[in-house]
């Protein structure tokens, strides 16, 4: 995902917030793939979910986390 104002493609907390705010379906798919290979990413996604105002993106992220955990 190309993140506004970021010069990296890594899934930082800011990048995850960017996804939640304006990510496309392809971006969400990219996160789902990354969750299956990067165990530390799940904790970062949970942190972002915990401090954001609920708007639906958190629920999508929670489902992706559940699926990633099932595939391990």
Protein backbone atom coordinates (compact mmCIF):
# COMPACT_ATOMS: atom_id res chain seq x y z
CA UNK A 1 0.00 0.00 0.00
CA UNK A 2 1.23 3.48 -0.80
CA UNK A 3 0.90 5.45 2.42
CA UNK A 4 0.32 9.17 2.35
CA UNK A 5 3.23 11.07 3.92
CA UNK A 6 5.24 7.88 4.53
CA UNK A 7 8.38 6.86 2.68
CA UNK A 8 8.25 3.18 3.59
CA UNK A 9 6.04 0.29 2.62
CA UNK A 10 6.38 -1.31 6.06
CA UNK A 11 3.27 -1.79 8.15
CA UNK A 12 3.95 0.81 10.84
CA UNK A 13 1.22 2.08 13.17
CA UNK A 14 0.77 5.10 10.89
CA UNK A 15 0.50 2.86 7.84
CA UNK A 16 -2.17 0.75 9.53
CA UNK A 17 -4.10 3.91 10.44
CA UNK A 18 -3.81 5.02 6.82
CA UNK A 19 -5.27 1.70 5.71
CA UNK A 20 -8.16 2.05 8.15
CA UNK A 21 -8.89 5.58 6.91
CA UNK A 22 -8.58 5.18 3.16
CA UNK A 23 -7.44 1.70 2.20
CA UNK A 24 -8.76 -0.05 -0.87
CA UNK A 25 -9.82 -3.68 -1.10
CA UNK A 26 -6.40 -4.53 -2.52
CA UNK A 27 -4.75 -2.81 0.45
CA UNK A 28 -6.81 -4.89 2.88
CA UNK A 29 -5.81 -8.02 0.96
CA UNK A 30 -2.16 -6.98 1.29
CA UNK A 31 -2.61 -6.65 5.06
CA UNK A 32 -4.27 -10.09 5.22
CA UNK A 33 -1.29 -11.66 3.42
CA UNK A 34 1.18 -9.85 5.65
CA UNK A 35 -0.61 -10.98 8.81
CA UNK A 36 -0.02 -14.60 7.81
CA UNK A 37 3.74 -14.13 7.65
CA UNK A 38 4.52 -11.37 10.17
CA UNK A 39 3.46 -12.30 13.71
CA UNK A 40 4.49 -8.90 15.12
CA UNK A 41 2.11 -7.15 12.73
CA UNK A 42 -0.91 -8.57 14.55
CA UNK A 43 0.05 -6.73 17.74
CA UNK A 44 0.41 -3.44 15.84
CA UNK A 45 -3.02 -3.92 14.25
CA UNK A 46 -4.54 -4.62 17.69
CA UNK A 47 -2.94 -1.44 19.08
CA UNK A 48 -4.46 0.67 16.32
CA UNK A 49 -7.86 -0.96 16.85
CA UNK A 50 -7.70 -0.19 20.56
CA UNK A 51 -7.19 3.56 20.26
CA UNK A 52 -9.31 4.44 17.25
CA UNK A 53 -12.87 5.62 17.34
CA UNK A 54 -14.97 2.73 16.01
CA UNK A 55 -15.90 3.16 12.37
CA UNK A 56 -16.07 -0.39 11.04
CA UNK A 57 -12.45 -0.74 9.95
CA UNK A 58 -11.62 -2.26 13.34
CA UNK A 59 -14.09 -5.09 12.77
CA UNK A 60 -12.58 -5.86 9.37
CA UNK A 61 -9.13 -5.95 10.99
CA UNK A 62 -10.39 -8.25 13.75
CA UNK A 63 -11.75 -10.71 11.19
CA UNK A 64 -8.43 -10.68 9.32
CA UNK A 65 -6.60 -11.30 12.62
CA UNK A 66 -8.86 -14.26 13.39
CA UNK A 67 -8.24 -15.77 9.95
CA UNK A 68 -4.49 -15.24 10.22
CA UNK A 69 -4.43 -16.98 13.61
CA UNK A 70 -6.42 -19.93 12.24
CA UNK A 71 -3.95 -20.42 9.41
CA UNK A 72 -0.96 -20.77 11.77
